[in-house]
């Protein structure tokens, strides 16, 4: 698993947050990628995601605006059991020693590289 923290302009985060969430003044975001070689419930799969720091009624937290996944069973479970909408995508997660790279394509369009 890899997590990369970065900052964005808060106004650029707005389109990715549903009402009534408000972007955090910090602009903090987290992009992540992971590879699961085996899961007894879902088999092998890979995921990538984008989370945005935000607030709801004055309470701070994070909102996961995008979650990409390449295992069909996990997509149904994410939506129906865990309440996390997942999108089927083509993912490539590679690790070389301590270096990791996650590439995500939706259809034939690259959408996230970490």
PDB file of N, CA and C in Angstrom:
ATOM      1  N   UNK A   1       0.848  -1.176   0.000  1.00  0.00           N
ATOM      2  CA  UNK A   1       0.000   0.000   0.000  1.00  0.00           C
ATOM      3  C   UNK A   1       0.886   1.228   0.000  1.00  0.00           C
ATOM      4  N   UNK A   2       0.449   2.243  -0.709  1.00  0.00           N
ATOM      5  CA  UNK A   2       1.148   3.514  -0.700  1.00  0.00           C
ATOM      6  C   UNK A   2       0.146   4.641  -0.468  1.00  0.00           C
ATOM      7  N   UNK A   3       0.576   5.639   0.259  1.00  0.00           N
ATOM      8  CA  UNK A   3      -0.217   6.844   0.499  1.00  0.00           C
ATOM      9  C   UNK A   3       0.657   8.040   0.195  1.00  0.00           C
ATOM     10  N   UNK A   4       0.157   8.935  -0.624  1.00  0.00           N
ATOM     11  CA  UNK A   4       0.884  10.147  -0.971  1.00  0.00           C
ATOM     12  C   UNK A   4       0.016  11.339  -0.573  1.00  0.00           C
ATOM     13  N   UNK A   5       0.521  12.144   0.355  1.00  0.00           N
ATOM     14  CA  UNK A   5      -0.197  13.339   0.793  1.00  0.00           C
ATOM     15  C   UNK A   5       0.266  14.521  -0.044  1.00  0.00           C
ATOM     16  N   UNK A   6      -0.691  15.348  -0.447  1.00  0.00           N
ATOM     17  CA  UNK A   6      -0.366  16.550  -1.207  1.00  0.00           C
ATOM     18  C   UNK A   6      -1.392  17.624  -0.906  1.00  0.00           C
ATOM     19  N   UNK A   7      -1.092  18.839  -1.317  1.00  0.00           N
ATOM     20  CA  UNK A   7      -2.006  19.957  -1.092  1.00  0.00           C
ATOM     21  C   UNK A   7      -2.576  20.439  -2.419  1.00  0.00           C
ATOM     22  N   UNK A   8      -3.834  20.830  -2.373  1.00  0.00           N
ATOM     23  CA  UNK A   8      -4.527  21.382  -3.525  1.00  0.00           C
ATOM     24  C   UNK A   8      -5.141  22.718  -3.116  1.00  0.00           C
ATOM     25  N   UNK A   9      -5.455  23.538  -4.078  1.00  0.00           N
ATOM     26  CA  UNK A   9      -6.198  24.755  -3.757  1.00  0.00           C
ATOM     27  C   UNK A   9      -7.591  24.325  -3.306  1.00  0.00           C
ATOM     28  N   UNK A  10      -8.054  24.792  -2.146  1.00  0.00           N
ATOM     29  CA  UNK A  10      -9.377  24.376  -1.661  1.00  0.00           C
ATOM     30  C   UNK A  10     -10.498  24.578  -2.681  1.00  0.00           C
ATOM     31  N   UNK A  11     -10.433  25.633  -3.467  1.00  0.00           N
ATOM     32  CA  UNK A  11     -11.488  25.866  -4.454  1.00  0.00           C
ATOM     33  C   UNK A  11     -11.456  24.817  -5.572  1.00  0.00           C
ATOM     34  N   UNK A  12     -10.299  24.195  -5.818  1.00  0.00           N
ATOM     35  CA  UNK A  12     -10.221  23.134  -6.821  1.00  0.00           C
ATOM     36  C   UNK A  12     -10.819  21.835  -6.303  1.00  0.00           C
ATOM     37  N   UNK A  13     -10.936  21.685  -4.996  1.00  0.00           N
ATOM     38  CA  UNK A  13     -11.492  20.470  -4.401  1.00  0.00           C
ATOM     39  C   UNK A  13     -13.015  20.472  -4.425  1.00  0.00           C
ATOM     40  N   UNK A  14     -13.611  21.643  -4.477  1.00  0.00           N
ATOM     41  CA  UNK A  14     -15.066  21.785  -4.412  1.00  0.00           C
ATOM     42  C   UNK A  14     -15.852  20.876  -5.335  1.00  0.00           C
ATOM     43  N   UNK A  15     -15.491  20.779  -6.622  1.00  0.00           N
ATOM     44  CA  UNK A  15     -16.261  19.918  -7.532  1.00  0.00           C
ATOM     45  C   UNK A  15     -16.237  18.426  -7.165  1.00  0.00           C
ATOM     46  N   UNK A  16     -15.308  18.025  -6.326  1.00  0.00           N
ATOM     47  CA  UNK A  16     -15.193  16.619  -5.935  1.00  0.00           C
ATOM     48  C   UNK A  16     -15.907  16.316  -4.626  1.00  0.00           C
ATOM     49  N   UNK A  17     -16.453  17.335  -3.977  1.00  0.00           N
ATOM     50  CA  UNK A  17     -17.124  17.162  -2.689  1.00  0.00           C
ATOM     51  C   UNK A  17     -18.628  17.387  -2.836  1.00  0.00           C
ATOM     52  N   UNK A  18     -19.440  16.450  -2.372  1.00  0.00           N
ATOM     53  CA  UNK A  18     -20.891  16.667  -2.439  1.00  0.00           C
ATOM     54  C   UNK A  18     -21.333  17.653  -1.362  1.00  0.00           C
ATOM     55  N   UNK A  19     -22.424  18.358  -1.624  1.00  0.00           N
ATOM     56  CA  UNK A  19     -23.018  19.216  -0.598  1.00  0.00           C
ATOM     57  C   UNK A  19     -23.502  18.332   0.543  1.00  0.00           C
ATOM     58  N   UNK A  20     -23.342  18.697   1.762  1.00  0.00           N
ATOM     59  CA  UNK A  20     -22.903  19.974   2.306  1.00  0.00           C
ATOM     60  C   UNK A  20     -21.438  19.976   2.757  1.00  0.00           C
ATOM     61  N   UNK A  21     -20.605  19.064   2.243  1.00  0.00           N
ATOM     62  CA  UNK A  21     -19.194  19.039   2.645  1.00  0.00           C
ATOM     63  C   UNK A  21     -18.482  20.273   2.124  1.00  0.00           C
ATOM     64  N   UNK A  22     -17.528  20.753   2.918  1.00  0.00           N
ATOM     65  CA  UNK A  22     -16.738  21.926   2.547  1.00  0.00           C
ATOM     66  C   UNK A  22     -15.270  21.549   2.563  1.00  0.00           C
ATOM     67  N   UNK A  23     -14.539  21.987   1.554  1.00  0.00           N
ATOM     68  CA  UNK A  23     -13.107  21.698   1.473  1.00  0.00           C
ATOM     69  C   UNK A  23     -12.376  22.318   2.651  1.00  0.00           C
ATOM     70  N   UNK A  24     -11.393  21.600   3.173  1.00  0.00           N
ATOM     71  CA  UNK A  24     -10.577  22.120   4.276  1.00  0.00           C
ATOM     72  C   UNK A  24      -9.681  23.235   3.761  1.00  0.00           C
ATOM     73  N   UNK A  25      -9.461  24.243   4.591  1.00  0.00           N
ATOM     74  CA  UNK A  25      -8.581  25.352   4.211  1.00  0.00           C
ATOM     75  C   UNK A  25      -7.174  24.869   3.890  1.00  0.00           C
ATOM     76  N   UNK A  26      -6.759  23.747   4.481  1.00  0.00           N
ATOM     77  CA  UNK A  26      -5.409  23.209   4.256  1.00  0.00           C
ATOM     78  C   UNK A  26      -5.227  22.690   2.836  1.00  0.00           C
ATOM     79  N   UNK A  27      -6.324  22.294   2.169  1.00  0.00           N
ATOM     80  CA  UNK A  27      -6.228  21.706   0.838  1.00  0.00           C
ATOM     81  C   UNK A  27      -5.602  20.321   0.844  1.00  0.00           C
ATOM     82  N   UNK A  28      -5.523  19.688   2.008  1.00  0.00           N
ATOM     83  CA  UNK A  28      -4.875  18.386   2.119  1.00  0.00           C
ATOM     84  C   UNK A  28      -5.645  17.316   1.357  1.00  0.00           C
ATOM     85  N   UNK A  29      -4.921  16.513   0.591  1.00  0.00           N
ATOM     86  CA  UNK A  29      -5.474  15.396  -0.169  1.00  0.00           C
ATOM     87  C   UNK A  29      -4.577  14.178   0.022  1.00  0.00           C
ATOM     88  N   UNK A  30      -5.137  13.004  -0.182  1.00  0.00           N
ATOM     89  CA  UNK A  30      -4.374  11.762  -0.105  1.00  0.00           C
ATOM     90  C   UNK A  30      -4.712  10.926  -1.331  1.00  0.00           C
ATOM     91  N   UNK A  31      -3.680  10.527  -2.069  1.00  0.00           N
ATOM     92  CA  UNK A  31      -3.845   9.576  -3.163  1.00  0.00           C
ATOM     93  C   UNK A  31      -3.229   8.266  -2.691  1.00  0.00           C
ATOM     94  N   UNK A  32      -3.910   7.164  -2.955  1.00  0.00           N
ATOM     95  CA  UNK A  32      -3.404   5.880  -2.488  1.00  0.00           C
ATOM     96  C   UNK A  32      -3.571   4.787  -3.513  1.00  0.00           C
ATOM     97  N   UNK A  33      -2.719   3.793  -3.377  1.00  0.00           N
ATOM     98  CA  UNK A  33      -2.799   2.615  -4.219  1.00  0.00           C
ATOM     99  C   UNK A  33      -2.470   1.398  -3.383  1.00  0.00           C
ATOM    100  N   UNK A  34      -3.064   0.273  -3.736  1.00  0.00           N
ATOM    101  CA  UNK A  34      -2.762  -0.951  -2.991  1.00  0.00           C
ATOM    102  C   UNK A  34      -2.958  -2.162  -3.874  1.00  0.00           C
ATOM    103  N   UNK A  35      -2.229  -3.215  -3.532  1.00  0.00           N
ATOM    104  CA  UNK A  35      -2.362  -4.503  -4.200  1.00  0.00           C
ATOM    105  C   UNK A  35      -2.641  -5.545  -3.135  1.00  0.00           C
ATOM    106  N   UNK A  36      -3.677  -6.334  -3.355  1.00  0.00           N
ATOM    107  CA  UNK A  36      -4.030  -7.427  -2.442  1.00  0.00           C
ATOM    108  C   UNK A  36      -3.843  -8.724  -3.233  1.00  0.00           C
ATOM    109  N   UNK A  37      -2.772  -9.481  -2.954  1.00  0.00           N
ATOM    110  CA  UNK A  37      -2.524 -10.688  -3.740  1.00  0.00           C
ATOM    111  C   UNK A  37      -3.522 -11.806  -3.472  1.00  0.00           C
ATOM    112  N   UNK A  38      -4.162 -11.785  -2.292  1.00  0.00           N
ATOM    113  CA  UNK A  38      -5.154 -12.803  -1.981  1.00  0.00           C
ATOM    114  C   UNK A  38      -6.100 -12.296  -0.908  1.00  0.00           C
ATOM    115  N   UNK A  39      -7.361 -12.501  -1.131  1.00  0.00           N
ATOM    116  CA  UNK A  39      -8.396 -12.203  -0.142  1.00  0.00           C
ATOM    117  C   UNK A  39      -9.379 -13.366  -0.173  1.00  0.00           C
ATOM    118  N   UNK A  40      -9.686 -13.932   0.986  1.00  0.00           N
ATOM    119  CA  UNK A  40     -10.589 -15.089   1.013  1.00  0.00           C
ATOM    120  C   UNK A  40     -11.992 -14.724   0.535  1.00  0.00           C
ATOM    121  N   UNK A  41     -12.370 -13.469   0.646  1.00  0.00           N
ATOM    122  CA  UNK A  41     -13.707 -13.056   0.215  1.00  0.00           C
ATOM    123  C   UNK A  41     -13.761 -12.582  -1.233  1.00  0.00           C
ATOM    124  N   UNK A  42     -12.684 -11.941  -1.717  1.00  0.00           N
ATOM    125  CA  UNK A  42     -12.750 -11.272  -3.014  1.00  0.00           C
ATOM    126  C   UNK A  42     -11.689 -11.709  -4.009  1.00  0.00           C
ATOM    127  N   UNK A  43     -10.798 -12.602  -3.635  1.00  0.00           N
ATOM    128  CA  UNK A  43      -9.709 -12.979  -4.525  1.00  0.00           C
ATOM    129  C   UNK A  43      -8.656 -11.890  -4.570  1.00  0.00           C
ATOM    130  N   UNK A  44      -7.813 -11.919  -5.568  1.00  0.00           N
ATOM    131  CA  UNK A  44      -6.778 -10.896  -5.733  1.00  0.00           C
ATOM    132  C   UNK A  44      -7.393  -9.649  -6.369  1.00  0.00           C
ATOM    133  N   UNK A  45      -6.926  -8.458  -5.950  1.00  0.00           N
ATOM    134  CA  UNK A  45      -7.394  -7.221  -6.565  1.00  0.00           C
ATOM    135  C   UNK A  45      -6.413  -6.098  -6.290  1.00  0.00           C
ATOM    136  N   UNK A  46      -6.615  -5.006  -7.020  1.00  0.00           N
ATOM    137  CA  UNK A  46      -5.842  -3.778  -6.819  1.00  0.00           C
ATOM    138  C   UNK A  46      -6.824  -2.619  -6.740  1.00  0.00           C
ATOM    139  N   UNK A  47      -6.434  -1.586  -6.012  1.00  0.00           N
ATOM    140  CA  UNK A  47      -7.279  -0.396  -5.861  1.00  0.00           C
ATOM    141  C   UNK A  47      -6.424   0.859  -5.882  1.00  0.00           C
ATOM    142  N   UNK A  48      -7.060   1.945  -6.249  1.00  0.00           N
ATOM    143  CA  UNK A  48      -6.485   3.278  -6.063  1.00  0.00           C
ATOM    144  C   UNK A  48      -7.619   4.196  -5.630  1.00  0.00           C
ATOM    145  N   UNK A  49      -7.254   5.285  -4.955  1.00  0.00           N
ATOM    146  CA  UNK A  49      -8.294   6.163  -4.428  1.00  0.00           C
ATOM    147  C   UNK A  49      -7.770   7.571  -4.218  1.00  0.00           C
ATOM    148  N   UNK A  50      -8.715   8.507  -4.088  1.00  0.00           N
ATOM    149  CA  UNK A  50      -8.422   9.897  -3.792  1.00  0.00           C
ATOM    150  C   UNK A  50      -9.308  10.332  -2.637  1.00  0.00           C
ATOM    151  N   UNK A  51      -8.691  10.868  -1.575  1.00  0.00           N
ATOM    152  CA  UNK A  51      -9.433  11.369  -0.414  1.00  0.00           C
ATOM    153  C   UNK A  51      -9.101  12.850  -0.219  1.00  0.00           C
ATOM    154  N   UNK A  52     -10.116  13.608   0.190  1.00  0.00           N
ATOM    155  CA  UNK A  52      -9.977  15.050   0.352  1.00  0.00           C
ATOM    156  C   UNK A  52     -10.332  15.456   1.781  1.00  0.00           C
ATOM    157  N   UNK A  53      -9.498  16.280   2.380  1.00  0.00           N
ATOM    158  CA  UNK A  53      -9.817  16.810   3.711  1.00  0.00           C
ATOM    159  C   UNK A  53     -10.994  17.764   3.573  1.00  0.00           C
ATOM    160  N   UNK A  54     -11.949  17.638   4.493  1.00  0.00           N
ATOM    161  CA  UNK A  54     -13.154  18.452   4.401  1.00  0.00           C
ATOM    162  C   UNK A  54     -13.768  18.606   5.789  1.00  0.00           C
ATOM    163  N   UNK A  55     -14.864  19.335   5.838  1.00  0.00           N
ATOM    164  CA  UNK A  55     -15.595  19.466   7.095  1.00  0.00           C
ATOM    165  C   UNK A  55     -17.089  19.279   6.832  1.00  0.00           C
ATOM    166  N   UNK A  56     -17.764  18.802   7.874  1.00  0.00           N
ATOM    167  CA  UNK A  56     -19.203  18.594   7.844  1.00  0.00           C
ATOM    168  C   UNK A  56     -19.754  19.102   9.164  1.00  0.00           C
ATOM    169  N   UNK A  57     -20.547  20.165   9.088  1.00  0.00           N
ATOM    170  CA  UNK A  57     -21.119  20.775  10.288  1.00  0.00           C
ATOM    171  C   UNK A  57     -20.055  21.086  11.334  1.00  0.00           C
ATOM    172  N   UNK A  58     -18.926  21.604  10.860  1.00  0.00           N
ATOM    173  CA  UNK A  58     -17.853  22.012  11.760  1.00  0.00           C
ATOM    174  C   UNK A  58     -16.918  20.897  12.199  1.00  0.00           C
ATOM    175  N   UNK A  59     -17.178  19.676  11.793  1.00  0.00           N
ATOM    176  CA  UNK A  59     -16.310  18.549  12.167  1.00  0.00           C
ATOM    177  C   UNK A  59     -15.404  18.186  10.999  1.00  0.00           C
ATOM    178  N   UNK A  60     -14.125  18.002  11.296  1.00  0.00           N
ATOM    179  CA  UNK A  60     -13.132  17.693  10.261  1.00  0.00           C
ATOM    180  C   UNK A  60     -13.097  16.211   9.952  1.00  0.00           C
ATOM    181  N   UNK A  61     -12.770  15.897   8.701  1.00  0.00           N
ATOM    182  CA  UNK A  61     -12.634  14.510   8.290  1.00  0.00           C
ATOM    183  C   UNK A  61     -12.123  14.444   6.861  1.00  0.00           C
ATOM    184  N   UNK A  62     -12.284  13.283   6.251  1.00  0.00           N
ATOM    185  CA  UNK A  62     -11.881  13.074   4.867  1.00  0.00           C
ATOM    186  C   UNK A  62     -13.049  12.469   4.100  1.00  0.00           C
ATOM    187  N   UNK A  63     -13.119  12.785   2.820  1.00  0.00           N
ATOM    188  CA  UNK A  63     -14.124  12.219   1.930  1.00  0.00           C
ATOM    189  C   UNK A  63     -13.393  11.508   0.800  1.00  0.00           C
ATOM    190  N   UNK A  64     -13.766  10.279   0.530  1.00  0.00           N
ATOM    191  CA  UNK A  64     -13.172   9.515  -0.564  1.00  0.00           C
ATOM    192  C   UNK A  64     -13.979   9.801  -1.832  1.00  0.00           C
ATOM    193  N   UNK A  65     -13.441  10.649  -2.693  1.00  0.00           N
ATOM    194  CA  UNK A  65     -14.179  11.064  -3.890  1.00  0.00           C
ATOM    195  C   UNK A  65     -14.104  10.042  -5.020  1.00  0.00           C
ATOM    196  N   UNK A  66     -13.036   9.278  -5.081  1.00  0.00           N
ATOM    197  CA  UNK A  66     -12.869   8.297  -6.152  1.00  0.00           C
ATOM    198  C   UNK A  66     -12.218   7.048  -5.577  1.00  0.00           C
ATOM    199  N   UNK A  67     -12.780   5.900  -5.914  1.00  0.00           N
ATOM    200  CA  UNK A  67     -12.195   4.625  -5.518  1.00  0.00           C
ATOM    201  C   UNK A  67     -12.284   3.694  -6.721  1.00  0.00           C
ATOM    202  N   UNK A  68     -11.112   3.384  -7.280  1.00  0.00           N
ATOM    203  CA  UNK A  68     -11.023   2.536  -8.465  1.00  0.00           C
ATOM    204  C   UNK A  68     -10.608   1.132  -8.033  1.00  0.00           C
ATOM    205  N   UNK A  69     -11.161   0.119  -8.686  1.00  0.00           N
ATOM    206  CA  UNK A  69     -10.988  -1.262  -8.239  1.00  0.00           C
ATOM    207  C   UNK A  69     -11.029  -2.174  -9.460  1.00  0.00           C
ATOM    208  N   UNK A  70     -10.274  -3.277  -9.438  1.00  0.00           N
ATOM    209  CA  UNK A  70     -10.291  -4.176 -10.593  1.00  0.00           C
ATOM    210  C   UNK A  70     -10.772  -5.591 -10.264  1.00  0.00           C
ATOM    211  N   UNK A  71     -11.553  -5.740  -9.201  1.00  0.00           N
ATOM    212  CA  UNK A  71     -12.128  -7.044  -8.882  1.00  0.00           C
ATOM    213  C   UNK A  71     -13.645  -6.948  -8.811  1.00  0.00           C
ATOM    214  N   UNK A  72     -14.380  -7.660  -9.653  1.00  0.00           N
ATOM    215  CA  UNK A  72     -15.840  -7.521  -9.689  1.00  0.00           C
ATOM    216  C   UNK A  72     -16.535  -7.782  -8.357  1.00  0.00           C
ATOM    217  N   UNK A  73     -16.093  -8.776  -7.595  1.00  0.00           N
ATOM    218  CA  UNK A  73     -16.751  -9.076  -6.309  1.00  0.00           C
ATOM    219  C   UNK A  73     -16.576  -7.925  -5.326  1.00  0.00           C
ATOM    220  N   UNK A  74     -15.418  -7.295  -5.344  1.00  0.00           N
ATOM    221  CA  UNK A  74     -15.163  -6.175  -4.442  1.00  0.00           C
ATOM    222  C   UNK A  74     -15.985  -4.947  -4.784  1.00  0.00           C
ATOM    223  N   UNK A  75     -16.318  -4.771  -6.039  1.00  0.00           N
ATOM    224  CA  UNK A  75     -17.137  -3.624  -6.434  1.00  0.00           C
ATOM    225  C   UNK A  75     -18.527  -3.753  -5.831  1.00  0.00           C
ATOM    226  N   UNK A  76     -19.126  -4.917  -5.938  1.00  0.00           N
ATOM    227  CA  UNK A  76     -20.459  -5.124  -5.365  1.00  0.00           C
ATOM    228  C   UNK A  76     -20.424  -4.973  -3.848  1.00  0.00           C
ATOM    229  N   UNK A  77     -19.417  -5.546  -3.191  1.00  0.00           N
ATOM    230  CA  UNK A  77     -19.317  -5.450  -1.729  1.00  0.00           C
ATOM    231  C   UNK A  77     -19.104  -4.008  -1.295  1.00  0.00           C
ATOM    232  N   UNK A  78     -18.284  -3.277  -2.026  1.00  0.00           N
ATOM    233  CA  UNK A  78     -18.041  -1.882  -1.668  1.00  0.00           C
ATOM    234  C   UNK A  78     -19.308  -1.060  -1.685  1.00  0.00           C
ATOM    235  N   UNK A  79     -20.123  -1.292  -2.689  1.00  0.00           N
ATOM    236  CA  UNK A  79     -21.351  -0.525  -2.824  1.00  0.00           C
ATOM    237  C   UNK A  79     -22.431  -1.023  -1.872  1.00  0.00           C
ATOM    238  N   UNK A  80     -22.637  -2.322  -1.809  1.00  0.00           N
ATOM    239  CA  UNK A  80     -23.787  -2.883  -1.101  1.00  0.00           C
ATOM    240  C   UNK A  80     -23.541  -3.157   0.381  1.00  0.00           C
ATOM    241  N   UNK A  81     -22.310  -3.437   0.762  1.00  0.00           N
ATOM    242  CA  UNK A  81     -22.021  -3.748   2.166  1.00  0.00           C
ATOM    243  C   UNK A  81     -21.396  -2.562   2.885  1.00  0.00           C
ATOM    244  N   UNK A  82     -20.369  -1.971   2.259  1.00  0.00           N
ATOM    245  CA  UNK A  82     -19.590  -0.941   2.949  1.00  0.00           C
ATOM    246  C   UNK A  82     -20.000   0.483   2.600  1.00  0.00           C
ATOM    247  N   UNK A  83     -20.868   0.665   1.622  1.00  0.00           N
ATOM    248  CA  UNK A  83     -21.323   2.001   1.271  1.00  0.00           C
ATOM    249  C   UNK A  83     -20.286   2.844   0.562  1.00  0.00           C
ATOM    250  N   UNK A  84     -19.283   2.209  -0.019  1.00  0.00           N
ATOM    251  CA  UNK A  84     -18.237   2.924  -0.742  1.00  0.00           C
ATOM    252  C   UNK A  84     -18.366   2.615  -2.219  1.00  0.00           C
ATOM    253  N   UNK A  85     -18.892   3.541  -3.008  1.00  0.00           N
ATOM    254  CA  UNK A  85     -19.020   3.271  -4.436  1.00  0.00           C
ATOM    255  C   UNK A  85     -17.642   3.101  -5.073  1.00  0.00           C
ATOM    256  N   UNK A  86     -17.454   1.990  -5.745  1.00  0.00           N
ATOM    257  CA  UNK A  86     -16.203   1.708  -6.435  1.00  0.00           C
ATOM    258  C   UNK A  86     -16.475   1.683  -7.928  1.00  0.00           C
ATOM    259  N   UNK A  87     -15.473   2.052  -8.707  1.00  0.00           N
ATOM    260  CA  UNK A  87     -15.572   2.071 -10.156  1.00  0.00           C
ATOM    261  C   UNK A  87     -14.591   1.043 -10.703  1.00  0.00           C
ATOM    262  N   UNK A  88     -15.067   0.199 -11.611  1.00  0.00           N
ATOM    263  CA  UNK A  88     -14.165  -0.770 -12.224  1.00  0.00           C
ATOM    264  C   UNK A  88     -13.193  -0.031 -13.129  1.00  0.00           C
ATOM    265  N   UNK A  89     -11.905  -0.322 -12.975  1.00  0.00           N
ATOM    266  CA  UNK A  89     -10.867   0.342 -13.752  1.00  0.00           C
ATOM    267  C   UNK A  89      -9.724  -0.629 -14.008  1.00  0.00           C
ATOM    268  N   UNK A  90      -8.879  -0.266 -14.934  1.00  0.00           N
ATOM    269  CA  UNK A  90      -7.652  -1.017 -15.194  1.00  0.00           C
ATOM    270  C   UNK A  90      -6.561  -0.455 -14.297  1.00  0.00           C
ATOM    271  N   UNK A  91      -6.002  -1.312 -13.467  1.00  0.00           N
ATOM    272  CA  UNK A  91      -4.961  -0.873 -12.542  1.00  0.00           C
ATOM    273  C   UNK A  91      -3.686  -1.669 -12.750  1.00  0.00           C
ATOM    274  N   UNK A  92      -2.578  -0.997 -12.529  1.00  0.00           N
ATOM    275  CA  UNK A  92      -1.278  -1.647 -12.547  1.00  0.00           C
ATOM    276  C   UNK A  92      -0.523  -1.146 -11.322  1.00  0.00           C
ATOM    277  N   UNK A  93      -0.281  -2.037 -10.381  1.00  0.00           N
ATOM    278  CA  UNK A  93       0.451  -1.697  -9.161  1.00  0.00           C
ATOM    279  C   UNK A  93       1.743  -2.493  -9.177  1.00  0.00           C
ATOM    280  N   UNK A  94       2.863  -1.785  -9.147  1.00  0.00           N
ATOM    281  CA  UNK A  94       4.170  -2.433  -9.181  1.00  0.00           C
ATOM    282  C   UNK A  94       5.005  -1.983  -7.999  1.00  0.00           C
ATOM    283  N   UNK A  95       5.802  -2.903  -7.490  1.00  0.00           N
ATOM    284  CA  UNK A  95       6.711  -2.575  -6.397  1.00  0.00           C
ATOM    285  C   UNK A  95       8.099  -3.069  -6.765  1.00  0.00           C
ATOM    286  N   UNK A  96       9.089  -2.213  -6.561  1.00  0.00           N
ATOM    287  CA  UNK A  96      10.489  -2.547  -6.799  1.00  0.00           C
ATOM    288  C   UNK A  96      11.254  -2.124  -5.558  1.00  0.00           C
ATOM    289  N   UNK A  97      11.512  -3.068  -4.669  1.00  0.00           N
ATOM    290  CA  UNK A  97      12.152  -2.735  -3.402  1.00  0.00           C
ATOM    291  C   UNK A  97      11.229  -1.852  -2.586  1.00  0.00           C
ATOM    292  N   UNK A  98      11.702  -0.669  -2.244  1.00  0.00           N
ATOM    293  CA  UNK A  98      10.886   0.254  -1.453  1.00  0.00           C
ATOM    294  C   UNK A  98      10.088   1.219  -2.327  1.00  0.00           C
ATOM    295  N   UNK A  99      10.202   1.092  -3.636  1.00  0.00           N
ATOM    296  CA  UNK A  99       9.480   1.972  -4.552  1.00  0.00           C
ATOM    297  C   UNK A  99       8.206   1.286  -5.020  1.00  0.00           C
ATOM    298  N   UNK A 100       7.138   2.076  -5.114  1.00  0.00           N
ATOM    299  CA  UNK A 100       5.858   1.538  -5.565  1.00  0.00           C
ATOM    300  C   UNK A 100       5.253   2.522  -6.552  1.00  0.00           C
ATOM    301  N   UNK A 101       4.577   2.003  -7.567  1.00  0.00           N
ATOM    302  CA  UNK A 101       3.900   2.845  -8.551  1.00  0.00           C
ATOM    303  C   UNK A 101       2.528   2.253  -8.820  1.00  0.00           C
ATOM    304  N   UNK A 102       1.533   3.127  -8.808  1.00  0.00           N
ATOM    305  CA  UNK A 102       0.163   2.728  -9.122  1.00  0.00           C
ATOM    306  C   UNK A 102      -0.313   3.560 -10.302  1.00  0.00           C
ATOM    307  N   UNK A 103      -0.780   2.884 -11.341  1.00  0.00           N
ATOM    308  CA  UNK A 103      -1.349   3.563 -12.501  1.00  0.00           C
ATOM    309  C   UNK A 103      -2.785   3.088 -12.681  1.00  0.00           C
ATOM    310  N   UNK A 104      -3.678   4.048 -12.894  1.00  0.00           N
ATOM    311  CA  UNK A 104      -5.105   3.738 -13.025  1.00  0.00           C
ATOM    312  C   UNK A 104      -5.614   4.313 -14.337  1.00  0.00           C
ATOM    313  N   UNK A 105      -6.335   3.478 -15.077  1.00  0.00           N
ATOM    314  CA  UNK A 105      -6.979   3.922 -16.318  1.00  0.00           C
ATOM    315  C   UNK A 105      -8.450   3.552 -16.245  1.00  0.00           C
ATOM    316  N   UNK A 106      -9.295   4.501 -16.615  1.00  0.00           N
ATOM    317  CA  UNK A 106     -10.732   4.266 -16.692  1.00  0.00           C
ATOM    318  C   UNK A 106     -11.051   4.133 -18.177  1.00  0.00           C
ATOM    319  N   UNK A 107     -11.416   2.928 -18.577  1.00  0.00           N
ATOM    320  CA  UNK A 107     -11.494   2.662 -20.018  1.00  0.00           C
ATOM    321  C   UNK A 107     -10.087   2.744 -20.564  1.00  0.00           C
ATOM    322  N   UNK A 108      -9.887   3.532 -21.584  1.00  0.00           N
ATOM    323  CA  UNK A 108      -8.544   3.694 -22.140  1.00  0.00           C
ATOM    324  C   UNK A 108      -7.892   5.007 -21.715  1.00  0.00           C
ATOM    325  N   UNK A 109      -8.537   5.742 -20.810  1.00  0.00           N
ATOM    326  CA  UNK A 109      -8.015   7.037 -20.389  1.00  0.00           C
ATOM    327  C   UNK A 109      -7.292   6.943 -19.051  1.00  0.00           C
ATOM    328  N   UNK A 110      -6.021   7.358 -18.991  1.00  0.00           N
ATOM    329  CA  UNK A 110      -5.324   7.398 -17.708  1.00  0.00           C
ATOM    330  C   UNK A 110      -5.960   8.447 -16.804  1.00  0.00           C
ATOM    331  N   UNK A 111      -6.236   8.079 -15.546  1.00  0.00           N
ATOM    332  CA  UNK A 111      -6.897   9.012 -14.631  1.00  0.00           C
ATOM    333  C   UNK A 111      -6.107   9.284 -13.358  1.00  0.00           C
ATOM    334  N   UNK A 112      -5.176   8.399 -12.996  1.00  0.00           N
ATOM    335  CA  UNK A 112      -4.437   8.593 -11.749  1.00  0.00           C
ATOM    336  C   UNK A 112      -3.112   7.850 -11.845  1.00  0.00           C
ATOM    337  N   UNK A 113      -2.028   8.545 -11.514  1.00  0.00           N
ATOM    338  CA  UNK A 113      -0.698   7.923 -11.448  1.00  0.00           C
ATOM    339  C   UNK A 113      -0.066   8.367 -10.139  1.00  0.00           C
ATOM    340  N   UNK A 114       0.338   7.387  -9.353  1.00  0.00           N
ATOM    341  CA  UNK A 114       0.961   7.666  -8.052  1.00  0.00           C
ATOM    342  C   UNK A 114       2.342   7.025  -8.046  1.00  0.00           C
TER     343      UNK A 114
END
